[in-house]
Amino acid sequence: MANSLLDNIDVHDAGDKIILSSPDEATLKYVLEEMRKEGEQGIQQPMKVGKKWNASFEHPGLGQCTVEKIGFEIIITGESEGAVVARSGEFRDKGALITR
């Protein structure tokens, strides 16, 4: 059985971003272009970090979340807990506290 291109790509969930890394820049660029065609948002072009090439794109669950501000509360709703936690990251980085 032939190896897939994705066998050469490491995937890391970094909250609001998904990070892809590979020792081969061409493979990473090809995968990113295919993802762009499928509608992925916020794609950052590959950069060399050490011996690997890294790129990132917006976590897919973020686009499925809604954010409402009521007074001093921010209410985030989404299809999964992971998506809501990822979306809340930008607010937590600015000092927001999770109350429930």
N, C-alpha and C. Protein backbone atom coordinates (compact mmCIF):
# COMPACT_ATOMS: atom_id res chain seq x y z
N MET A 1 0.84 -1.19 0.00
CA MET A 1 0.00 0.00 0.00
C MET A 1 0.89 1.25 0.00
N ALA A 2 0.60 2.19 -0.85
CA ALA A 2 1.39 3.41 -0.98
C ALA A 2 1.17 4.33 0.21
N ASN A 3 2.20 5.06 0.57
CA ASN A 3 2.10 6.01 1.66
C ASN A 3 1.31 7.23 1.23
N SER A 4 0.56 7.77 2.17
CA SER A 4 -0.21 8.99 1.93
C SER A 4 0.69 10.20 2.16
N LEU A 5 0.36 11.31 1.51
CA LEU A 5 1.08 12.56 1.78
C LEU A 5 0.96 12.96 3.24
N LEU A 6 -0.18 12.63 3.84
CA LEU A 6 -0.41 13.02 5.22
C LEU A 6 0.45 12.25 6.21
N ASP A 7 1.07 11.16 5.77
CA ASP A 7 2.00 10.43 6.63
C ASP A 7 3.22 11.29 6.97
N ASN A 8 3.51 12.29 6.14
CA ASN A 8 4.66 13.17 6.35
C ASN A 8 4.29 14.46 7.08
N ILE A 9 3.03 14.58 7.53
CA ILE A 9 2.56 15.80 8.19
C ILE A 9 2.19 15.48 9.63
N ASP A 10 2.75 16.26 10.57
CA ASP A 10 2.35 16.16 11.97
C ASP A 10 1.30 17.23 12.23
N VAL A 11 0.23 16.87 12.96
CA VAL A 11 -0.87 17.78 13.24
C VAL A 11 -0.95 18.02 14.75
N HIS A 12 -1.02 19.30 15.13
CA HIS A 12 -1.09 19.67 16.54
C HIS A 12 -2.24 20.65 16.75
N ASP A 13 -3.07 20.39 17.74
CA ASP A 13 -4.17 21.29 18.09
C ASP A 13 -3.64 22.32 19.08
N ALA A 14 -3.64 23.59 18.69
CA ALA A 14 -3.13 24.66 19.54
C ALA A 14 -4.26 25.60 19.96
N GLY A 15 -5.42 25.04 20.23
CA GLY A 15 -6.55 25.86 20.66
C GLY A 15 -7.25 26.52 19.51
N ASP A 16 -6.94 27.78 19.24
CA ASP A 16 -7.61 28.50 18.17
C ASP A 16 -6.98 28.23 16.80
N LYS A 17 -5.87 27.51 16.77
CA LYS A 17 -5.20 27.18 15.51
C LYS A 17 -4.88 25.68 15.47
N ILE A 18 -4.79 25.16 14.26
CA ILE A 18 -4.27 23.83 14.02
C ILE A 18 -2.91 24.04 13.36
N ILE A 19 -1.87 23.41 13.91
CA ILE A 19 -0.51 23.58 13.38
C ILE A 19 -0.10 22.31 12.66
N LEU A 20 0.39 22.49 11.45
CA LEU A 20 0.90 21.38 10.65
C LEU A 20 2.41 21.54 10.53
N SER A 21 3.14 20.43 10.64
CA SER A 21 4.58 20.51 10.45
C SER A 21 5.06 19.32 9.63
N SER A 22 6.12 19.57 8.86
CA SER A 22 6.67 18.55 7.98
C SER A 22 8.12 18.90 7.66
N PRO A 23 8.95 17.89 7.45
CA PRO A 23 10.32 18.19 7.03
C PRO A 23 10.39 18.63 5.56
N ASP A 24 9.29 18.44 4.81
CA ASP A 24 9.28 18.74 3.38
C ASP A 24 8.35 19.92 3.08
N GLU A 25 8.91 21.03 2.66
CA GLU A 25 8.13 22.24 2.38
C GLU A 25 7.11 22.02 1.26
N ALA A 26 7.49 21.32 0.20
CA ALA A 26 6.60 21.12 -0.95
C ALA A 26 5.36 20.33 -0.54
N THR A 27 5.53 19.30 0.27
CA THR A 27 4.40 18.50 0.74
C THR A 27 3.45 19.36 1.56
N LEU A 28 4.02 20.17 2.46
CA LEU A 28 3.20 21.03 3.31
C LEU A 28 2.44 22.05 2.47
N LYS A 29 3.08 22.66 1.49
CA LYS A 29 2.41 23.63 0.61
C LYS A 29 1.27 22.97 -0.17
N TYR A 30 1.50 21.76 -0.64
CA TYR A 30 0.45 21.04 -1.39
C TYR A 30 -0.76 20.78 -0.50
N VAL A 31 -0.52 20.30 0.72
CA VAL A 31 -1.62 20.02 1.65
C VAL A 31 -2.39 21.30 1.97
N LEU A 32 -1.67 22.39 2.20
CA LEU A 32 -2.33 23.67 2.49
C LEU A 32 -3.19 24.15 1.32
N GLU A 33 -2.68 23.97 0.10
CA GLU A 33 -3.45 24.40 -1.07
C GLU A 33 -4.73 23.58 -1.19
N GLU A 34 -4.65 22.30 -0.93
CA GLU A 34 -5.85 21.46 -0.96
C GLU A 34 -6.84 21.88 0.12
N MET A 35 -6.33 22.24 1.28
CA MET A 35 -7.20 22.70 2.37
C MET A 35 -7.87 24.03 2.01
N ARG A 36 -7.11 24.90 1.35
CA ARG A 36 -7.67 26.19 0.91
C ARG A 36 -8.83 25.95 -0.06
N LYS A 37 -8.65 24.99 -0.99
CA LYS A 37 -9.70 24.66 -1.95
C LYS A 37 -10.95 24.13 -1.25
N GLU A 38 -10.76 23.47 -0.10
CA GLU A 38 -11.89 22.92 0.66
C GLU A 38 -12.52 23.95 1.59
N GLY A 39 -11.95 25.17 1.62
CA GLY A 39 -12.58 26.25 2.38
C GLY A 39 -12.00 26.55 3.74
N GLU A 40 -10.85 26.02 4.08
CA GLU A 40 -10.25 26.34 5.37
C GLU A 40 -9.92 27.83 5.42
N GLN A 41 -10.02 28.40 6.61
CA GLN A 41 -9.82 29.84 6.81
C GLN A 41 -8.53 30.10 7.58
N GLY A 42 -7.99 31.29 7.41
CA GLY A 42 -6.85 31.75 8.21
C GLY A 42 -5.58 30.96 8.02
N ILE A 43 -5.32 30.52 6.80
CA ILE A 43 -4.13 29.71 6.54
C ILE A 43 -2.89 30.60 6.55
N GLN A 44 -1.90 30.21 7.36
CA GLN A 44 -0.62 30.90 7.40
C GLN A 44 0.38 30.08 6.60
N GLN A 45 1.13 30.71 5.75
CA GLN A 45 2.09 30.02 4.88
C GLN A 45 3.22 29.39 5.68
N PRO A 46 3.83 28.34 5.14
CA PRO A 46 4.90 27.64 5.85
C PRO A 46 6.10 28.53 6.17
N MET A 47 6.66 28.27 7.35
CA MET A 47 7.89 28.93 7.80
C MET A 47 8.81 27.85 8.32
N LYS A 48 10.08 28.00 8.07
CA LYS A 48 11.04 27.01 8.56
C LYS A 48 11.37 27.30 10.02
N VAL A 49 11.21 26.27 10.84
CA VAL A 49 11.53 26.36 12.26
C VAL A 49 12.41 25.16 12.58
N GLY A 50 13.68 25.41 12.79
CA GLY A 50 14.61 24.31 13.00
C GLY A 50 14.74 23.49 11.73
N LYS A 51 14.49 22.19 11.84
CA LYS A 51 14.60 21.30 10.68
C LYS A 51 13.25 21.06 10.00
N LYS A 52 12.18 21.63 10.54
CA LYS A 52 10.84 21.37 9.99
C LYS A 52 10.20 22.66 9.47
N TRP A 53 9.22 22.46 8.60
CA TRP A 53 8.40 23.55 8.09
C TRP A 53 7.08 23.52 8.85
N ASN A 54 6.65 24.66 9.37
CA ASN A 54 5.39 24.76 10.11
C ASN A 54 4.44 25.71 9.39
N ALA A 55 3.16 25.38 9.46
CA ALA A 55 2.10 26.25 8.95
C ALA A 55 0.90 26.07 9.87
N SER A 56 -0.05 26.97 9.77
CA SER A 56 -1.23 26.85 10.63
C SER A 56 -2.46 27.35 9.89
N PHE A 57 -3.62 27.00 10.45
CA PHE A 57 -4.89 27.50 9.94
C PHE A 57 -5.86 27.58 11.10
N GLU A 58 -6.91 28.36 10.90
CA GLU A 58 -7.90 28.56 11.94
C GLU A 58 -8.58 27.24 12.30
N HIS A 59 -8.75 27.01 13.60
CA HIS A 59 -9.43 25.80 14.06
C HIS A 59 -10.82 25.77 13.44
N PRO A 60 -11.20 24.68 12.77
CA PRO A 60 -12.49 24.63 12.07
C PRO A 60 -13.70 24.88 12.96
N GLY A 61 -13.63 24.52 14.22
CA GLY A 61 -14.76 24.70 15.13
C GLY A 61 -15.04 26.15 15.48
N LEU A 62 -14.06 27.03 15.29
CA LEU A 62 -14.25 28.44 15.66
C LEU A 62 -15.34 29.10 14.83
N GLY A 63 -15.42 28.77 13.57
CA GLY A 63 -16.42 29.37 12.70
C GLY A 63 -17.83 28.92 13.03
N GLN A 64 -17.95 27.83 13.79
CA GLN A 64 -19.27 27.31 14.14
C GLN A 64 -19.77 27.88 15.46
N CYS A 65 -18.97 28.68 16.13
CA CYS A 65 -19.35 29.24 17.42
C CYS A 65 -19.95 30.64 17.24
N THR A 66 -20.88 30.96 18.12
CA THR A 66 -21.42 32.32 18.17
C THR A 66 -21.01 32.96 19.48
N VAL A 67 -20.77 34.26 19.44
CA VAL A 67 -20.35 35.00 20.61
C VAL A 67 -21.35 36.12 20.85
N GLU A 68 -21.89 36.15 22.08
CA GLU A 68 -22.81 37.23 22.48
C GLU A 68 -22.23 37.93 23.68
N LYS A 69 -22.34 39.25 23.70
CA LYS A 69 -21.90 40.03 24.85
C LYS A 69 -23.14 40.62 25.50
N ILE A 70 -23.36 40.26 26.75
CA ILE A 70 -24.49 40.77 27.53
C ILE A 70 -23.90 41.39 28.80
N GLY A 71 -23.91 42.72 28.85
CA GLY A 71 -23.28 43.39 29.98
C GLY A 71 -21.80 43.07 30.01
N PHE A 72 -21.36 42.51 31.15
CA PHE A 72 -19.96 42.14 31.28
C PHE A 72 -19.73 40.65 31.03
N GLU A 73 -20.75 39.95 30.57
CA GLU A 73 -20.62 38.52 30.28
C GLU A 73 -20.48 38.28 28.78
N ILE A 74 -19.69 37.30 28.45
CA ILE A 74 -19.53 36.86 27.07
C ILE A 74 -20.03 35.43 27.02
N ILE A 75 -21.01 35.17 26.17
CA ILE A 75 -21.59 33.84 26.06
C ILE A 75 -21.18 33.26 24.71
N ILE A 76 -20.51 32.11 24.77
CA ILE A 76 -20.04 31.44 23.56
C ILE A 76 -20.80 30.12 23.43
N THR A 77 -21.44 29.91 22.29
CA THR A 77 -22.13 28.65 22.05
C THR A 77 -21.57 28.02 20.78
N GLY A 78 -21.56 26.69 20.77
CA GLY A 78 -21.04 25.99 19.61
C GLY A 78 -21.49 24.55 19.60
N GLU A 79 -21.10 23.83 18.55
CA GLU A 79 -21.53 22.45 18.36
C GLU A 79 -20.80 21.46 19.27
N SER A 80 -19.61 21.83 19.76
CA SER A 80 -18.87 20.91 20.63
C SER A 80 -18.16 21.69 21.73
N GLU A 81 -17.86 21.00 22.80
CA GLU A 81 -17.14 21.62 23.91
C GLU A 81 -15.75 22.09 23.44
N GLY A 82 -15.10 21.28 22.63
CA GLY A 82 -13.78 21.64 22.13
C GLY A 82 -13.78 22.93 21.34
N ALA A 83 -14.80 23.11 20.50
CA ALA A 83 -14.90 24.33 19.71
C ALA A 83 -15.11 25.54 20.60
N VAL A 84 -15.96 25.39 21.62
CA VAL A 84 -16.24 26.51 22.53
C VAL A 84 -14.98 26.86 23.33
N VAL A 85 -14.27 25.84 23.81
CA VAL A 85 -13.04 26.09 24.57
C VAL A 85 -12.00 26.78 23.68
N ALA A 86 -11.88 26.32 22.45
CA ALA A 86 -10.93 26.95 21.52
C ALA A 86 -11.30 28.40 21.26
N ARG A 87 -12.58 28.66 21.02
CA ARG A 87 -13.06 30.03 20.74
C ARG A 87 -12.87 30.93 21.93
N SER A 88 -13.00 30.38 23.14
CA SER A 88 -12.86 31.20 24.34
C SER A 88 -11.40 31.58 24.61
N GLY A 89 -10.46 30.91 23.94
CA GLY A 89 -9.04 31.18 24.19
C GLY A 89 -8.65 32.63 24.02
N GLU A 90 -9.15 33.27 22.97
CA GLU A 90 -8.78 34.68 22.75
C GLU A 90 -9.28 35.57 23.87
N PHE A 91 -10.42 35.24 24.46
CA PHE A 91 -10.94 36.03 25.58
C PHE A 91 -10.17 35.74 26.86
N ARG A 92 -9.82 34.45 27.07
CA ARG A 92 -9.03 34.08 28.25
C ARG A 92 -7.65 34.73 28.20
N ASP A 93 -7.07 34.84 27.00
CA ASP A 93 -5.77 35.49 26.84
C ASP A 93 -5.81 36.95 27.25
N LYS A 94 -6.99 37.56 27.14
CA LYS A 94 -7.16 38.97 27.50
C LYS A 94 -7.62 39.14 28.95
N GLY A 95 -7.71 38.01 29.71
CA GLY A 95 -8.04 38.11 31.12
C GLY A 95 -9.43 37.69 31.51
N ALA A 96 -10.24 37.22 30.58
CA ALA A 96 -11.60 36.78 30.90
C ALA A 96 -11.54 35.51 31.74
N LEU A 97 -12.51 35.35 32.62
CA LEU A 97 -12.61 34.17 33.45
C LEU A 97 -13.80 33.33 33.01
N ILE A 98 -13.63 32.02 33.03
CA ILE A 98 -14.74 31.13 32.70
C ILE A 98 -15.56 30.91 33.97
N THR A 99 -16.84 31.20 33.89
CA THR A 99 -17.70 31.04 35.07
C THR A 99 -18.52 29.77 35.00
N ARG A 100 -18.83 29.30 33.81
CA ARG A 100 -19.56 28.03 33.67
C ARG A 100 -19.45 27.52 32.26
